Amino acid sequence: MDLYIAVSPVPEHGHWQAALVPPAEASDPTRAVRDITTRADITALQQEWKVSEVRYADEMEPEDIPAG
């Protein structure tokens, strides 16, 4: 089973969320969902969670998130 980080917008709060998928791998709540504000946050999560793949919601592009 492939692990990846799913990124989706949270427009009402002006930020994005990153979630570890599949959630069954996120037994630690700090690995379940994190609010992010920059692409640098995603890079940090990739290192922390030891996950290389990032998938973005259909309605967004990586460039939608500030570089940071």
N, C-alpha and C. Protein backbone atom coordinates (compact mmCIF):
# COMPACT_ATOMS: atom_id res chain seq x y z
N MET A 1 0.85 -1.18 0.00
CA MET A 1 0.00 0.00 0.00
C MET A 1 0.89 1.24 0.00
N ASP A 2 0.59 2.15 -0.91
CA ASP A 2 1.36 3.37 -1.02
C ASP A 2 0.91 4.40 -0.01
N LEU A 3 1.88 5.02 0.62
CA LEU A 3 1.61 6.16 1.49
C LEU A 3 1.81 7.43 0.69
N TYR A 4 0.97 8.41 0.91
CA TYR A 4 1.18 9.70 0.29
C TYR A 4 0.55 10.79 1.15
N ILE A 5 0.92 12.02 0.83
CA ILE A 5 0.35 13.18 1.50
C ILE A 5 -0.68 13.79 0.56
N ALA A 6 -1.90 13.93 1.04
CA ALA A 6 -2.98 14.56 0.27
C ALA A 6 -3.12 16.00 0.73
N VAL A 7 -3.07 16.93 -0.22
CA VAL A 7 -3.17 18.35 0.09
C VAL A 7 -4.48 18.88 -0.48
N SER A 8 -5.23 19.59 0.36
CA SER A 8 -6.50 20.17 -0.09
C SER A 8 -6.68 21.56 0.51
N PRO A 9 -7.42 22.42 -0.20
CA PRO A 9 -7.64 23.78 0.30
C PRO A 9 -8.68 23.82 1.41
N VAL A 10 -8.54 24.79 2.28
CA VAL A 10 -9.53 25.09 3.30
C VAL A 10 -9.82 26.59 3.17
N PRO A 11 -10.59 26.96 2.11
CA PRO A 11 -10.74 28.38 1.77
C PRO A 11 -11.33 29.24 2.88
N GLU A 12 -12.23 28.70 3.65
CA GLU A 12 -12.85 29.51 4.70
C GLU A 12 -11.86 29.91 5.78
N HIS A 13 -10.73 29.22 5.85
CA HIS A 13 -9.70 29.55 6.84
C HIS A 13 -8.44 30.14 6.21
N GLY A 14 -8.40 30.20 4.87
CA GLY A 14 -7.27 30.81 4.20
C GLY A 14 -5.98 30.01 4.26
N HIS A 15 -6.09 28.70 4.40
CA HIS A 15 -4.90 27.86 4.38
C HIS A 15 -5.23 26.53 3.71
N TRP A 16 -4.32 25.59 3.78
CA TRP A 16 -4.51 24.27 3.19
C TRP A 16 -4.27 23.23 4.28
N GLN A 17 -4.70 22.01 3.98
CA GLN A 17 -4.46 20.91 4.91
C GLN A 17 -3.69 19.81 4.19
N ALA A 18 -2.81 19.18 4.92
CA ALA A 18 -2.08 18.01 4.44
C ALA A 18 -2.46 16.84 5.33
N ALA A 19 -2.80 15.72 4.69
CA ALA A 19 -3.21 14.53 5.43
C ALA A 19 -2.39 13.34 4.98
N LEU A 20 -2.04 12.48 5.91
CA LEU A 20 -1.35 11.25 5.58
C LEU A 20 -2.39 10.24 5.11
N VAL A 21 -2.15 9.63 3.95
CA VAL A 21 -3.07 8.65 3.39
C VAL A 21 -2.30 7.37 3.13
N PRO A 22 -2.82 6.21 3.48
CA PRO A 22 -4.12 5.99 4.11
C PRO A 22 -4.11 6.35 5.59
N PRO A 23 -5.27 6.78 6.09
CA PRO A 23 -5.35 7.21 7.49
C PRO A 23 -4.98 6.12 8.49
N ALA A 24 -5.13 4.87 8.11
CA ALA A 24 -4.78 3.77 9.03
C ALA A 24 -3.31 3.83 9.42
N GLU A 25 -2.50 4.46 8.58
CA GLU A 25 -1.08 4.61 8.87
C GLU A 25 -0.83 5.77 9.84
N ALA A 26 -1.86 6.54 10.09
CA ALA A 26 -1.72 7.74 10.93
C ALA A 26 -2.19 7.46 12.35
N SER A 27 -1.63 6.45 12.98
CA SER A 27 -2.04 6.10 14.34
C SER A 27 -1.70 7.20 15.33
N ASP A 28 -0.67 7.97 15.04
CA ASP A 28 -0.30 9.11 15.85
C ASP A 28 -1.09 10.32 15.34
N PRO A 29 -1.90 10.97 16.17
CA PRO A 29 -2.73 12.09 15.71
C PRO A 29 -1.94 13.23 15.06
N THR A 30 -0.67 13.39 15.41
CA THR A 30 0.12 14.45 14.79
C THR A 30 0.45 14.12 13.34
N ARG A 31 0.22 12.86 12.94
CA ARG A 31 0.45 12.45 11.56
C ARG A 31 -0.85 12.40 10.76
N ALA A 32 -1.96 12.67 11.37
CA ALA A 32 -3.24 12.54 10.68
C ALA A 32 -3.49 13.71 9.73
N VAL A 33 -3.58 14.91 10.24
CA VAL A 33 -3.87 16.10 9.43
C VAL A 33 -3.11 17.28 10.01
N ARG A 34 -2.54 18.08 9.13
CA ARG A 34 -1.85 19.29 9.57
C ARG A 34 -2.28 20.46 8.70
N ASP A 35 -2.44 21.62 9.30
CA ASP A 35 -2.66 22.85 8.55
C ASP A 35 -1.32 23.29 7.99
N ILE A 36 -1.34 23.74 6.74
CA ILE A 36 -0.12 24.22 6.11
C ILE A 36 -0.39 25.58 5.47
N THR A 37 0.65 26.38 5.33
CA THR A 37 0.50 27.69 4.70
C THR A 37 1.47 27.90 3.55
N THR A 38 2.50 27.04 3.44
CA THR A 38 3.49 27.19 2.38
C THR A 38 3.90 25.82 1.83
N ARG A 39 4.52 25.82 0.65
CA ARG A 39 5.05 24.57 0.10
C ARG A 39 6.21 24.06 0.95
N ALA A 40 6.89 24.96 1.65
CA ALA A 40 7.97 24.54 2.55
C ALA A 40 7.40 23.66 3.68
N ASP A 41 6.17 23.95 4.11
CA ASP A 41 5.52 23.11 5.13
C ASP A 41 5.34 21.68 4.61
N ILE A 42 4.98 21.56 3.33
CA ILE A 42 4.79 20.24 2.73
C ILE A 42 6.12 19.49 2.69
N THR A 43 7.17 20.17 2.30
CA THR A 43 8.50 19.55 2.25
C THR A 43 8.92 19.06 3.63
N ALA A 44 8.65 19.87 4.64
CA ALA A 44 8.98 19.47 6.02
C ALA A 44 8.19 18.23 6.43
N LEU A 45 6.91 18.17 6.05
CA LEU A 45 6.10 17.00 6.39
C LEU A 45 6.59 15.75 5.65
N GLN A 46 7.02 15.92 4.41
CA GLN A 46 7.56 14.78 3.68
C GLN A 46 8.74 14.18 4.43
N GLN A 47 9.59 15.02 4.96
CA GLN A 47 10.75 14.54 5.70
C GLN A 47 10.32 13.94 7.04
N GLU A 48 9.44 14.63 7.75
CA GLU A 48 9.00 14.16 9.07
C GLU A 48 8.25 12.84 8.97
N TRP A 49 7.35 12.75 7.99
CA TRP A 49 6.52 11.55 7.84
C TRP A 49 7.17 10.48 6.98
N LYS A 50 8.34 10.81 6.39
CA LYS A 50 9.06 9.87 5.52
C LYS A 50 8.19 9.38 4.37
N VAL A 51 7.59 10.35 3.68
CA VAL A 51 6.70 10.07 2.54
C VAL A 51 7.16 10.95 1.38
N SER A 52 7.34 10.35 0.21
CA SER A 52 7.84 11.14 -0.92
C SER A 52 6.72 11.68 -1.81
N GLU A 53 5.62 10.95 -1.95
CA GLU A 53 4.57 11.36 -2.89
C GLU A 53 3.61 12.37 -2.26
N VAL A 54 3.27 13.39 -3.04
CA VAL A 54 2.28 14.39 -2.64
C VAL A 54 1.23 14.45 -3.74
N ARG A 55 -0.02 14.37 -3.36
CA ARG A 55 -1.12 14.49 -4.31
C ARG A 55 -1.97 15.69 -3.91
N TYR A 56 -2.30 16.49 -4.91
CA TYR A 56 -3.08 17.71 -4.67
C TYR A 56 -4.53 17.50 -5.09
N ALA A 57 -5.44 18.18 -4.41
CA ALA A 57 -6.86 18.12 -4.76
C ALA A 57 -7.02 18.51 -6.23
N ASP A 58 -8.03 17.96 -6.88
CA ASP A 58 -8.25 18.19 -8.31
C ASP A 58 -8.34 19.66 -8.67
N GLU A 59 -8.89 20.46 -7.79
CA GLU A 59 -9.14 21.86 -8.11
C GLU A 59 -7.94 22.76 -7.86
N MET A 60 -6.79 22.19 -7.55
CA MET A 60 -5.65 23.04 -7.23
C MET A 60 -4.37 22.54 -7.88
N GLU A 61 -3.39 23.43 -7.93
CA GLU A 61 -2.04 23.15 -8.42
C GLU A 61 -1.06 23.45 -7.28
N PRO A 62 0.11 22.83 -7.28
CA PRO A 62 1.10 23.12 -6.23
C PRO A 62 1.42 24.61 -6.13
N GLU A 63 1.41 25.30 -7.28
CA GLU A 63 1.74 26.73 -7.30
C GLU A 63 0.70 27.59 -6.61
N ASP A 64 -0.47 27.01 -6.31
CA ASP A 64 -1.51 27.77 -5.58
C ASP A 64 -1.05 28.10 -4.15
N ILE A 65 -0.11 27.31 -3.65
CA ILE A 65 0.39 27.49 -2.29
C ILE A 65 1.68 28.31 -2.36
N PRO A 66 1.81 29.36 -1.54
CA PRO A 66 3.05 30.15 -1.57
C PRO A 66 4.28 29.29 -1.26
N ALA A 67 5.39 29.63 -1.87
CA ALA A 67 6.62 28.85 -1.70
C ALA A 67 7.10 28.84 -0.26
N GLY A 68 7.02 29.97 0.41
CA GLY A 68 7.37 30.00 1.81
C GLY A 68 8.75 30.39 2.08
